[in-house]
Amino acid sequence: MINWSTDEAKFRKENPKEYKIWRLTHLLNYGLDGEKLDAKDVKKNWGLIKDRIDKPTEVYLKFLLWGKQPSSTRINRDF
């Protein structure tokens, strides 16, 4: 992931915890670009990132991480 508007090295050094949340949020919103996320990190920081990601992504991640399928959304289980 390349971000042109943020000095990532400086951000990571000065605010490592906030940087981690920012990075998770950006990866979820704008694509993983071949990277893999650790489910433990996403679960651990869920309370902080759930309001920062788009709604369809939030619903799908809830399904993937906790198996919670919303009644109003049909999710195809056979790929």
Protein backbone atom coordinates (compact mmCIF):
# COMPACT_ATOMS: atom_id res chain seq x y z
CA MET A 1 0.00 0.00 0.00
CA ILE A 2 1.33 3.40 -0.97
CA ASN A 3 -0.01 6.50 0.72
CA TRP A 4 1.07 9.79 -0.78
CA SER A 5 -0.45 12.10 1.83
CA THR A 6 1.06 10.61 4.99
CA ASP A 7 4.66 10.30 6.13
CA GLU A 8 4.34 6.71 7.30
CA ALA A 9 7.83 6.42 8.78
CA LYS A 10 7.31 9.49 10.96
CA PHE A 11 3.77 8.44 11.92
CA ARG A 12 4.94 4.91 12.84
CA LYS A 13 7.77 6.30 14.98
CA GLU A 14 5.76 8.99 16.81
CA ASN A 15 2.46 7.14 17.30
CA PRO A 16 2.93 3.38 16.83
CA LYS A 17 -0.46 2.39 18.25
CA GLU A 18 -2.40 4.94 16.17
CA TYR A 19 -0.33 4.02 13.12
CA LYS A 20 -1.32 0.36 13.47
CA ILE A 21 -5.03 1.27 13.58
CA TRP A 22 -4.64 3.71 10.69
CA ARG A 23 -2.86 1.08 8.61
CA LEU A 24 -5.46 -1.61 9.32
CA THR A 25 -8.23 0.79 8.38
CA HIS A 26 -6.53 1.82 5.14
CA LEU A 27 -5.79 -1.74 4.14
CA LEU A 28 -9.41 -2.73 4.70
CA ASN A 29 -10.85 0.29 2.90
CA TYR A 30 -8.46 0.55 -0.04
CA GLY A 31 -7.27 -3.01 -0.59
CA LEU A 32 -4.63 -5.31 0.78
CA ASP A 33 -2.35 -5.14 -2.28
CA GLY A 34 -1.21 -8.73 -1.77
CA GLU A 35 -0.73 -8.42 1.99
CA LYS A 36 -2.45 -10.64 4.52
CA LEU A 37 -4.05 -9.41 7.70
CA ASP A 38 -3.77 -11.17 11.01
CA ALA A 39 -7.30 -11.96 12.23
CA LYS A 40 -6.12 -11.52 15.83
CA ASP A 41 -5.07 -7.92 15.11
CA VAL A 42 -8.37 -7.12 13.44
CA LYS A 43 -10.36 -8.65 16.32
CA LYS A 44 -8.22 -6.92 18.93
CA ASN A 45 -8.71 -3.49 17.32
CA TRP A 46 -12.28 -4.04 16.09
CA GLY A 47 -13.79 -1.47 18.45
CA LEU A 48 -11.53 1.21 16.98
CA ILE A 49 -11.70 0.31 13.30
CA LYS A 50 -15.32 -0.74 12.79
CA ASP A 51 -16.57 2.85 12.53
CA ARG A 52 -13.78 3.79 10.12
CA ILE A 53 -14.49 1.19 7.43
CA ASP A 54 -17.32 1.14 4.94
CA LYS A 55 -20.50 -0.68 5.94
CA PRO A 56 -20.33 -3.59 3.45
CA THR A 57 -16.76 -4.34 4.56
CA GLU A 58 -17.81 -4.21 8.21
CA VAL A 59 -20.69 -6.63 7.61
CA TYR A 60 -18.49 -9.04 5.66
CA LEU A 61 -15.70 -8.96 8.26
CA LYS A 62 -18.21 -9.69 11.03
CA PHE A 63 -19.26 -12.72 9.02
CA LEU A 64 -15.67 -13.88 8.42
CA LEU A 65 -14.38 -13.26 11.94
CA TRP A 66 -17.37 -14.22 14.09
CA GLY A 67 -19.80 -15.96 11.74
CA LYS A 68 -22.46 -13.30 12.31
CA GLN A 69 -24.67 -13.13 9.25
CA PRO A 70 -27.05 -10.18 9.24
CA SER A 71 -30.64 -11.10 8.46
CA SER A 72 -30.93 -8.43 5.77
CA THR A 73 -27.80 -9.47 3.83
CA ARG A 74 -27.44 -12.67 1.81
CA ILE A 75 -23.87 -13.96 1.75
CA ASN A 76 -22.87 -16.61 -0.77
CA ARG A 77 -21.12 -19.40 1.15
CA ASP A 78 -20.05 -21.60 -1.77
CA PHE A 79 -17.32 -20.05 -3.84
